[in-house]
Amino acid sequence: MIPGLQVYLFRRIREDLIKNHMEGPKGFRSLLAAWEQSGFVKIVEDEIRFWNGSKIYLCHCKDEKDRFKYQGAEIHVLLIDELTHFTDKIYRFLRGRVRAVGLPPLPPEYQGRFPRIICGSNPGNIGHVWVKAAFIHNVEPYNIRLMPDEEGGMLRQYIPARLNDNPSMAKDDPLYRARLRGLGSESLVRAMEDGDWDVIEGAFFEEWESKRHVIRPFVIPAYWTHFRSLDWGSAAPFSVGWWAVVSDDYRHPDGLILPRGALVRYREWYGKKDDNNTGLKLTADEVGAGIARRSMDDPIPTYGVADPSAYAQNGGPSIMERLRNAERDYLALNKPGLNATPWRKADNARVAFEGHMGGWDQMRARLKGMKTDDCPDGPAMIYCFSTCTDSIRTIPVLQHDENRPEDLSTNMEDHAADEWRYACMSRPYVTAQPAPQQPISTRPPTFDELMAEQKRKRLNDD
């Protein structure tokens, strides 16, 4: 009905694209068989050509670098199957190819409906965080809203899709629901059957429980060990964490007992732009001054651990050298006497090797803490204040690497997790509570006290 319409259908992996959309009883070859035999349609590899000049291109974009294959595309309709399989960088690039250039005059019933984008997806996978933030979080279902220019400037609508919304499923495969519920994972069933975006199947840190690990802020005792951790980024987000080590079992104001040696993340600074995985592009000097400014009222830090890549020297001062100098200069100017953080390289081991415990294992062990089958309510050994929103947003949804399951996927927003890993690998230690000091008397000594002091001196001289 629309001559010259250019439709691009994307799936991340080409094999999935062919299996789901080209082959099978509901694939294009079957659906268009009669038209192809009559000469109205010609299917050439991954391209469907209609007699009126309209085309459907079946496309894949496995990695972010592959998006440039579509640099010159003029897309009238963009269809993306399983949107959470893509990064937001790929999606934003493809959205930028959607335009009305070359769009022919539209029939009256299609006025105002093109160009357009339609995406479908299940919860989970590497794009879960950005898809939920962009389309679902705090959004009224079915409500149509005009997005600002930095979000594409198009109308956007979130349409929940549940198993019950698919009438053909009950007709074509009435046993599908039973098989779905037999997957053995309650969270996966909830995600697939109810479209629940608050559950994450296949999470790398399945030990994370907000009710166990997220606590209300409280006043951290000054004598606890305080330290920092840093994951550097400029074009990508950076993450800075402020930590304290529980000295002795401590009762939180809510009644929770924080065990001796547990880590408490009481502040964070996450250098992120808007709702995508893009950094603020601050210089090392700006980040150093920002850390100092946020630490003005803190006890003197015992140490800091930083991303080893920030120590690289390429003919000039390293990132960490500039950052430390800026932190020191800011404190010297604004709060003399408060020492800057004594930074050192973090242990960057991600996974275990040759008897060396990897950072993810250390972090997972702290998240699990003292919880066992015999003690399901055992306390965790790592906590974060509820104000550390970017850690809470990103860490629970991280996924396994497809090719290296013991590692997490670096295609996701993993900056806070890397910085937590540095903190866990830093061998944080407990400090003892200082003994109460005896009050200093301001009264003059008595005659007997003076005589006793003189006697002690004579004995010492002898």
Protein backbone atom coordinates (compact mmCIF):
# COMPACT_ATOMS: atom_id res chain seq x y z
CA MET A 1 0.00 0.00 0.00
CA ILE A 2 3.04 2.32 0.38
CA PRO A 3 5.36 2.12 -2.66
CA GLY A 4 9.04 2.56 -1.84
CA LEU A 5 8.67 1.91 1.91
CA GLN A 6 12.01 0.80 3.41
CA VAL A 7 11.62 -1.58 6.39
CA TYR A 8 14.63 -2.79 8.41
CA LEU A 9 14.13 -5.77 10.75
CA PHE A 10 16.97 -6.34 13.22
CA ARG A 11 18.02 -9.23 15.41
CA ARG A 12 21.43 -9.26 17.08
CA ILE A 13 22.59 -12.65 15.75
CA ARG A 14 22.08 -13.55 12.09
CA GLU A 15 21.33 -17.22 12.84
CA ASP A 16 18.49 -16.15 15.17
CA LEU A 17 17.25 -13.73 12.52
CA ILE A 18 16.96 -16.48 9.90
CA LYS A 19 15.44 -19.06 12.24
CA ASN A 20 12.87 -16.68 13.71
CA HIS A 21 11.89 -14.62 10.70
CA MET A 22 12.83 -16.28 7.44
CA GLU A 23 12.31 -20.00 7.97
CA GLY A 24 9.52 -22.03 9.58
CA PRO A 25 5.73 -22.00 9.17
CA LYS A 26 5.48 -18.34 10.21
CA GLY A 27 8.60 -17.13 8.43
CA PHE A 28 8.60 -14.81 5.44
CA ARG A 29 9.25 -17.61 2.95
CA SER A 30 6.10 -19.41 4.04
CA LEU A 31 3.94 -16.30 4.46
CA LEU A 32 4.93 -14.88 1.07
CA ALA A 33 5.12 -18.14 -0.89
CA ALA A 34 2.03 -17.43 -2.99
CA TRP A 35 3.11 -13.87 -3.76
CA GLU A 36 6.59 -15.06 -4.69
CA GLN A 37 5.15 -17.66 -7.08
CA SER A 38 2.95 -14.96 -8.65
CA GLY A 39 5.87 -12.60 -9.13
CA PHE A 40 4.73 -9.95 -6.68
CA VAL A 41 7.66 -10.63 -4.31
CA LYS A 42 11.25 -11.69 -4.81
CA ILE A 43 13.35 -12.95 -1.88
CA VAL A 44 17.09 -12.52 -2.47
CA GLU A 45 19.17 -13.73 0.49
CA ASP A 46 18.21 -11.40 3.41
CA GLU A 47 16.21 -8.96 1.30
CA ILE A 48 12.50 -9.08 0.42
CA ARG A 49 11.61 -6.99 -2.64
CA PHE A 50 8.00 -6.12 -3.40
CA TRP A 51 6.66 -5.28 -6.85
CA ASN A 52 6.00 -1.65 -5.89
CA GLY A 53 9.57 -0.85 -4.81
CA SER A 54 9.03 -1.48 -1.09
CA LYS A 55 11.64 -3.62 0.66
CA ILE A 56 12.17 -5.50 3.91
CA TYR A 57 15.81 -5.83 4.91
CA LEU A 58 16.67 -8.56 7.43
CA CYS A 59 19.64 -7.21 9.38
CA HIS A 60 21.87 -8.19 12.28
CA CYS A 61 24.24 -6.16 14.44
CA LYS A 62 26.20 -8.39 16.80
CA ASP A 63 28.77 -5.89 18.10
CA GLU A 64 28.79 -2.12 18.48
CA LYS A 65 31.31 -1.74 15.65
CA ASP A 66 28.85 -3.46 13.30
CA ARG A 67 26.41 -0.55 13.55
CA PHE A 68 28.48 1.44 11.06
CA LYS A 69 27.37 -0.92 8.28
CA TYR A 70 24.11 1.04 8.37
CA GLN A 71 25.67 4.51 8.31
CA GLY A 72 23.96 5.49 5.05
CA ALA A 73 20.65 3.68 5.59
CA GLU A 74 17.42 5.61 5.20
CA ILE A 75 14.98 3.70 7.38
CA HIS A 76 11.24 4.38 7.24
CA VAL A 77 10.30 1.56 9.62
CA LEU A 78 12.79 0.16 12.16
CA LEU A 79 11.80 -3.16 13.75
CA ILE A 80 13.99 -4.61 16.52
CA ASP A 81 13.37 -8.10 17.86
CA GLU A 82 14.63 -8.67 21.45
CA LEU A 83 15.76 -5.11 22.12
CA THR A 84 17.55 -6.05 25.37
CA HIS A 85 20.06 -8.06 23.30
CA PHE A 86 21.40 -4.72 22.01
CA THR A 87 23.35 -1.96 23.75
CA ASP A 88 21.83 1.50 23.89
CA LYS A 89 24.70 2.75 21.69
CA ILE A 90 23.54 0.47 18.86
CA TYR A 91 19.90 1.45 19.36
CA ARG A 92 20.63 5.19 19.38
CA PHE A 93 22.70 4.87 16.21
CA LEU A 94 19.97 2.96 14.37
CA ARG A 95 17.34 5.38 15.61
CA GLY A 96 19.39 8.15 14.01
CA ARG A 97 18.94 6.40 10.63
CA VAL A 98 15.13 6.58 10.92
CA ARG A 99 13.94 9.45 8.74
CA ALA A 100 11.26 10.56 6.31
CA VAL A 101 13.72 11.04 3.44
CA GLY A 102 12.35 9.32 0.33
CA LEU A 103 9.06 8.46 2.03
CA PRO A 104 6.32 8.57 -0.62
CA PRO A 105 2.92 10.21 -0.13
CA LEU A 106 0.97 8.17 2.39
CA PRO A 107 -2.60 6.91 2.07
CA PRO A 108 -4.98 8.79 4.42
CA GLU A 109 -5.18 5.92 6.93
CA TYR A 110 -1.39 6.00 7.40
CA GLN A 111 -0.93 9.74 7.74
CA GLY A 112 1.26 10.61 10.77
CA ARG A 113 2.31 7.00 11.35
CA PHE A 114 5.64 7.04 9.51
CA PRO A 115 8.55 6.99 10.02
CA ARG A 116 8.27 4.73 13.06
CA ILE A 117 10.12 2.31 15.33
CA ILE A 118 8.66 -0.84 16.89
CA CYS A 119 10.66 -2.95 19.36
CA GLY A 120 9.78 -6.12 21.19
CA SER A 121 11.68 -7.73 24.05
CA ASN A 122 11.71 -9.92 27.12
CA PRO A 123 13.30 -8.71 30.38
CA GLY A 124 16.94 -9.55 31.03
CA ASN A 125 20.15 -9.71 28.96
CA ILE A 126 22.75 -6.99 28.42
CA GLY A 127 20.29 -4.20 27.57
CA HIS A 128 17.92 -4.70 30.50
CA VAL A 129 19.04 -1.58 32.40
CA TRP A 130 18.80 0.95 29.60
CA VAL A 131 15.59 -0.49 28.09
CA LYS A 132 13.88 -0.43 31.47
CA ALA A 133 15.09 3.13 32.12
CA ALA A 134 14.11 4.38 28.65
CA PHE A 135 10.73 2.72 28.15
CA ILE A 136 9.36 1.24 31.38
CA HIS A 137 10.58 2.84 34.63
CA ASN A 138 8.03 5.30 36.06
CA VAL A 139 6.05 5.18 32.81
CA GLU A 140 2.28 4.73 32.63
CA PRO A 141 1.57 1.82 30.24
CA TYR A 142 -0.06 2.81 26.94
CA ASN A 143 0.51 6.51 27.63
CA ILE A 144 1.96 8.31 24.59
CA ARG A 145 4.60 10.92 25.41
CA LEU A 146 6.68 13.26 23.28
CA MET A 147 10.38 12.72 23.94
CA PRO A 148 12.92 15.58 24.01
CA ASP A 149 15.40 16.03 21.18
CA GLU A 150 18.19 14.28 23.10
CA GLU A 151 15.94 11.19 23.24
CA GLY A 152 15.09 11.27 19.55
CA GLY A 153 12.17 13.71 19.59
CA MET A 154 9.62 11.02 18.65
CA LEU A 155 6.43 9.88 20.32
CA ARG A 156 7.05 6.94 22.64
CA GLN A 157 4.68 4.33 24.08
CA TYR A 158 5.21 1.36 26.38
CA ILE A 159 2.86 -1.59 25.73
CA PRO A 160 3.12 -4.40 28.31
CA ALA A 161 3.07 -7.87 26.75
CA ARG A 162 2.19 -10.91 28.84
CA LEU A 163 1.58 -14.50 27.93
CA ASN A 164 -2.17 -13.98 28.27
CA ASP A 165 -1.97 -11.23 25.65
CA ASN A 166 -0.99 -13.80 23.00
CA PRO A 167 -4.21 -15.53 21.94
CA SER A 168 -2.48 -17.69 19.35
CA MET A 169 -0.36 -19.35 22.02
CA ALA A 170 -3.36 -20.94 23.73
CA LYS A 171 -4.77 -22.00 20.34
CA ASP A 172 -1.58 -23.28 18.71
CA ASP A 173 0.18 -24.70 21.76
CA PRO A 174 -2.05 -25.09 24.84
CA LEU A 175 0.77 -26.86 26.74
CA TYR A 176 3.23 -23.98 26.32
CA ARG A 177 2.29 -22.43 29.69
CA ALA A 178 3.00 -25.71 31.50
CA ARG A 179 6.40 -26.02 29.81
CA LEU A 180 7.18 -22.42 30.66
CA ARG A 181 6.41 -23.00 34.33
CA GLY A 182 8.60 -26.09 34.22
CA LEU A 183 11.75 -24.11 33.45
CA GLY A 184 12.75 -24.44 37.09
CA SER A 185 13.46 -20.74 37.65
CA GLU A 186 10.77 -18.72 39.38
CA SER A 187 12.28 -15.43 38.23
CA LEU A 188 12.46 -16.58 34.60
CA VAL A 189 8.83 -17.71 34.69
CA ARG A 190 7.75 -14.34 36.11
CA ALA A 191 9.77 -12.48 33.49
CA MET A 192 8.47 -14.56 30.56
CA GLU A 193 4.86 -15.05 31.67
CA ASP A 194 4.12 -11.70 33.32
CA GLY A 195 6.67 -9.42 31.64
CA ASP A 196 8.06 -8.55 35.08
CA TRP A 197 10.98 -6.14 34.58
CA ASP A 198 11.91 -6.17 38.27
CA VAL A 199 13.29 -9.73 38.14
CA ILE A 200 16.54 -10.64 36.43
CA GLU A 201 17.18 -14.13 35.11
CA GLY A 202 20.80 -15.11 34.65
CA ALA A 203 22.12 -12.27 36.80
CA PHE A 204 25.86 -12.52 37.45
CA PHE A 205 25.36 -11.59 41.11
CA GLU A 206 22.29 -13.65 41.91
CA GLU A 207 23.23 -13.26 45.60
CA TRP A 208 22.21 -9.58 45.52
CA GLU A 209 19.13 -8.85 47.62
CA SER A 210 18.18 -5.23 48.20
CA LYS A 211 16.60 -6.09 51.55
CA ARG A 212 19.94 -7.54 52.72
CA HIS A 213 22.49 -5.26 51.09
CA VAL A 214 20.87 -1.83 50.90
CA ILE A 215 20.57 0.06 54.21
CA ARG A 216 19.46 3.48 55.35
CA PRO A 217 22.29 5.99 55.88
CA PHE A 218 23.63 6.37 59.42
CA VAL A 219 26.54 8.20 61.03
CA ILE A 220 29.70 6.17 60.43
CA PRO A 221 31.97 6.03 63.53
CA ALA A 222 35.11 8.06 62.88
CA TYR A 223 37.45 5.36 64.20
CA TRP A 224 36.37 2.77 61.60
CA THR A 225 38.84 2.23 58.76
CA HIS A 226 37.89 4.55 55.90
CA PHE A 227 39.12 4.04 52.33
CA ARG A 228 38.26 4.85 48.71
CA SER A 229 38.03 2.92 45.45
CA LEU A 230 38.05 4.26 41.90
CA ASP A 231 37.26 2.93 38.44
CA TRP A 232 38.53 5.50 35.95
CA GLY A 233 36.56 6.71 32.96
CA SER A 234 36.21 9.86 30.91
CA ALA A 235 34.35 9.01 27.69
CA ALA A 236 32.86 6.10 29.68
CA PRO A 237 31.52 6.67 33.22
CA PHE A 238 33.89 6.68 36.19
CA SER A 239 32.91 5.40 39.62
CA VAL A 240 34.27 6.46 43.01
CA GLY A 241 33.28 4.74 46.25
CA TRP A 242 33.73 5.78 49.88
CA TRP A 243 33.94 2.79 52.24
CA ALA A 244 34.18 2.03 55.96
CA VAL A 245 35.06 -1.26 57.67
CA VAL A 246 32.87 -2.24 60.62
CA SER A 247 35.11 -2.36 63.71
CA ASP A 248 32.94 -4.55 65.97
CA ASP A 249 29.45 -5.93 65.56
CA TYR A 250 27.37 -2.80 65.11
CA ARG A 251 23.63 -2.38 65.55
CA HIS A 252 22.16 -0.32 62.73
CA PRO A 253 19.40 2.14 63.75
CA ASP A 254 16.91 -0.21 62.02
CA GLY A 255 18.02 -3.07 64.27
CA LEU A 256 20.20 -4.88 61.71
CA ILE A 257 23.51 -6.17 63.10
CA LEU A 258 26.45 -5.31 60.84
CA PRO A 259 29.16 -7.91 61.56
CA ARG A 260 32.76 -7.10 62.37
CA GLY A 261 34.82 -6.73 59.17
CA ALA A 262 31.83 -5.95 56.91
CA LEU A 263 32.25 -3.23 54.28
CA VAL A 264 29.83 -0.30 54.21
CA ARG A 265 29.66 1.89 51.09
CA TYR A 266 28.45 5.21 52.43
CA ARG A 267 28.94 7.48 49.43
CA GLU A 268 29.52 7.26 45.70
CA TRP A 269 30.21 9.57 42.79
CA TYR A 270 29.25 8.16 39.40
CA GLY A 271 30.37 10.15 36.38
CA LYS A 272 27.59 9.40 33.95
CA LYS A 273 25.76 11.50 31.39
CA ASP A 274 21.99 11.21 31.17
CA ASP A 275 20.58 7.66 30.90
CA ASN A 276 23.18 6.05 28.67
CA ASN A 277 26.59 4.49 29.20
CA THR A 278 28.45 7.71 28.46
CA GLY A 279 30.88 9.51 30.75
CA LEU A 280 31.03 13.17 31.74
CA LYS A 281 34.43 13.57 30.01
CA LEU A 282 35.93 15.24 33.08
CA THR A 283 39.70 15.58 33.32
CA ALA A 284 41.72 13.79 35.99
CA ASP A 285 42.24 17.17 37.69
CA GLU A 286 38.48 17.76 37.85
CA VAL A 287 37.82 14.30 39.26
CA GLY A 288 40.57 14.73 41.89
CA ALA A 289 39.14 18.06 43.02
CA GLY A 290 35.64 16.54 43.04
CA ILE A 291 36.76 13.68 45.29
CA ALA A 292 38.39 16.14 47.68
CA ARG A 293 35.30 18.36 47.76
CA ARG A 294 33.08 15.40 48.63
CA SER A 295 35.50 14.26 51.38
CA MET A 296 35.81 17.53 53.30
CA ASP A 297 33.97 16.31 56.41
CA ASP A 298 35.30 12.74 56.36
CA PRO A 299 37.93 11.21 58.63
CA ILE A 300 41.36 10.92 57.04
CA PRO A 301 41.27 7.95 54.62
CA THR A 302 43.62 5.08 55.37
CA TYR A 303 44.17 4.29 51.68
CA GLY A 304 42.60 4.25 48.23
CA VAL A 305 42.70 1.67 45.42
CA ALA A 306 42.38 2.74 41.80
CA ASP A 307 42.00 1.24 38.34
CA PRO A 308 45.52 0.09 37.30
CA SER A 309 45.00 1.52 33.80
CA ALA A 310 44.94 5.01 35.34
CA TYR A 311 48.63 4.62 36.25
CA ALA A 312 49.78 4.22 32.64
CA GLN A 313 52.36 6.80 31.54
CA ASN A 314 52.54 7.81 27.90
CA GLY A 315 55.14 10.55 27.88
CA GLY A 316 53.61 12.66 30.63
CA PRO A 317 52.02 12.51 34.08
CA SER A 318 49.64 9.58 34.54
CA ILE A 319 45.95 10.06 35.23
CA MET A 320 46.45 9.11 38.89
CA GLU A 321 49.38 11.51 39.32
CA ARG A 322 47.24 14.39 38.09
CA LEU A 323 44.24 13.22 40.14
CA ARG A 324 46.27 12.96 43.38
CA ASN A 325 47.88 16.36 42.86
CA ALA A 326 44.49 17.98 42.26
CA GLU A 327 43.04 16.33 45.38
CA ARG A 328 46.02 17.44 47.49
CA ASP A 329 45.90 21.02 46.18
CA TYR A 330 42.16 21.34 46.77
CA LEU A 331 42.45 20.17 50.38
CA ALA A 332 45.49 22.37 51.05
CA LEU A 333 43.52 25.38 49.88
CA ASN A 334 40.15 24.59 51.47
CA LYS A 335 40.93 22.45 54.53
CA PRO A 336 44.58 22.54 55.57
CA GLY A 337 45.58 19.58 57.71
CA LEU A 338 43.27 17.07 56.02
CA ASN A 339 45.39 14.58 54.13
CA ALA A 340 44.64 13.52 50.56
CA THR A 341 43.94 9.86 49.83
CA PRO A 342 47.12 7.71 49.62
CA TRP A 343 46.19 5.88 46.40
CA ARG A 344 47.69 2.62 45.17
CA LYS A 345 47.06 0.28 42.22
CA ALA A 346 44.08 -2.03 42.71
CA ASP A 347 44.34 -5.80 42.30
CA ASN A 348 42.72 -6.21 38.89
CA ALA A 349 42.19 -10.01 38.95
CA ARG A 350 38.65 -10.59 37.75
CA VAL A 351 38.43 -14.38 37.98
CA ALA A 352 40.31 -16.99 40.01
CA PHE A 353 43.54 -18.43 38.59
CA GLU A 354 46.28 -20.70 40.00
CA GLY A 355 44.99 -20.49 43.55
CA HIS A 356 44.46 -16.72 43.36
CA MET A 357 40.94 -15.72 44.40
CA GLY A 358 39.44 -13.45 41.76
CA GLY A 359 37.68 -10.18 42.47
CA TRP A 360 34.26 -11.44 41.46
CA ASP A 361 34.61 -14.36 43.89
CA GLN A 362 35.59 -11.95 46.66
CA MET A 363 32.60 -9.76 45.92
CA ARG A 364 30.22 -12.71 45.66
CA ALA A 365 31.50 -14.11 48.97
CA ARG A 366 30.81 -10.79 50.70
CA LEU A 367 27.35 -10.53 49.17
CA LYS A 368 26.57 -14.04 50.38
CA GLY A 369 28.18 -13.36 53.76
CA MET A 370 27.14 -15.73 56.51
CA LYS A 371 23.99 -16.92 54.77
CA THR A 372 23.82 -20.73 54.55
CA ASP A 373 21.15 -23.38 54.13
CA ASP A 374 21.19 -23.84 57.90
CA CYS A 375 21.21 -20.09 58.50
CA PRO A 376 19.17 -18.42 55.71
CA ASP A 377 19.07 -15.12 57.61
CA GLY A 378 22.84 -14.86 58.08
CA PRO A 379 24.19 -11.32 57.65
CA ALA A 380 26.00 -10.09 54.56
CA MET A 381 29.58 -8.84 54.67
CA ILE A 382 29.04 -5.88 52.32
CA TYR A 383 26.39 -3.14 52.36
CA CYS A 384 25.65 0.12 50.63
CA PHE A 385 23.64 3.15 51.64
CA SER A 386 20.36 3.62 49.81
CA THR A 387 21.83 6.86 48.44
CA CYS A 388 24.29 4.87 46.27
CA THR A 389 21.70 4.73 43.50
CA ASP A 390 23.95 3.89 40.56
CA SER A 391 25.39 0.83 42.28
CA ILE A 392 21.88 -0.30 43.16
CA ARG A 393 20.75 0.35 39.58
CA THR A 394 23.55 -1.42 37.73
CA ILE A 395 25.05 -4.26 39.80
CA PRO A 396 21.96 -6.51 40.23
CA VAL A 397 21.31 -6.70 36.46
CA LEU A 398 24.82 -7.54 35.23
CA GLN A 399 24.96 -10.69 33.11
CA HIS A 400 27.49 -13.44 32.43
CA ASP A 401 29.88 -13.11 29.50
CA GLU A 402 28.64 -15.34 26.67
CA ASN A 403 32.11 -16.75 25.97
CA ARG A 404 33.49 -16.75 29.50
CA PRO A 405 30.72 -17.57 31.99
CA GLU A 406 32.91 -17.04 35.07
CA ASP A 407 33.31 -13.39 34.06
CA LEU A 408 30.62 -10.76 33.60
CA SER A 409 29.74 -9.11 30.31
CA THR A 410 31.73 -5.94 29.69
CA ASN A 411 29.09 -4.81 27.19
CA MET A 412 26.99 -3.67 30.14
CA GLU A 413 27.36 -0.79 32.59
CA ASP A 414 29.93 -2.51 34.80
CA HIS A 415 31.86 0.51 36.14
CA ALA A 416 30.46 0.46 39.68
CA ALA A 417 30.93 -3.32 39.85
CA ASP A 418 34.59 -3.00 38.84
CA GLU A 419 35.12 -0.45 41.55
CA TRP A 420 33.39 -2.67 44.16
CA ARG A 421 35.74 -5.44 43.04
CA TYR A 422 38.76 -3.24 43.69
CA ALA A 423 37.43 -2.49 47.18
CA CYS A 424 36.89 -6.16 48.00
CA MET A 425 40.39 -7.08 46.77
CA SER A 426 42.10 -4.33 48.79
CA ARG A 427 42.39 -6.44 51.99
CA PRO A 428 40.43 -3.98 54.15
CA TYR A 429 41.25 -4.32 57.83
CA VAL A 430 39.49 -3.60 61.12
CA THR A 431 40.62 -0.89 63.53
CA ALA A 432 40.00 -1.16 67.27
CA GLN A 433 37.87 1.33 69.09
CA PRO A 434 40.18 3.76 70.91
CA ALA A 435 40.21 3.48 74.69
CA PRO A 436 38.45 6.33 76.48
CA GLN A 437 40.95 8.90 77.68
CA GLN A 438 41.10 9.96 81.34
CA PRO A 439 39.95 13.53 81.78
CA ILE A 440 42.79 15.96 82.38
CA SER A 441 42.53 17.66 85.81
CA THR A 442 42.79 21.43 85.81
CA ARG A 443 43.03 21.89 89.63
CA PRO A 444 46.43 22.67 91.25
CA PRO A 445 48.21 19.65 92.84
CA THR A 446 47.92 19.09 96.60
CA PHE A 447 50.95 19.11 98.98
CA ASP A 448 50.87 15.30 99.23
CA GLU A 449 50.80 14.94 95.41
CA LEU A 450 53.81 17.27 95.08
CA MET A 451 55.79 15.30 97.69
CA ALA A 452 54.92 11.99 95.94
CA GLU A 453 56.10 13.37 92.60
CA GLN A 454 59.40 14.51 94.11
CA LYS A 455 59.92 11.06 95.62
CA ARG A 456 59.35 9.36 92.20
CA LYS A 457 61.91 11.67 90.60
CA ARG A 458 64.59 10.88 93.29
CA LEU A 459 64.01 7.15 92.81
CA ASN A 460 64.34 7.50 89.03
CA ASP A 461 67.57 9.51 89.43
CA ASP A 462 69.06 6.85 91.70
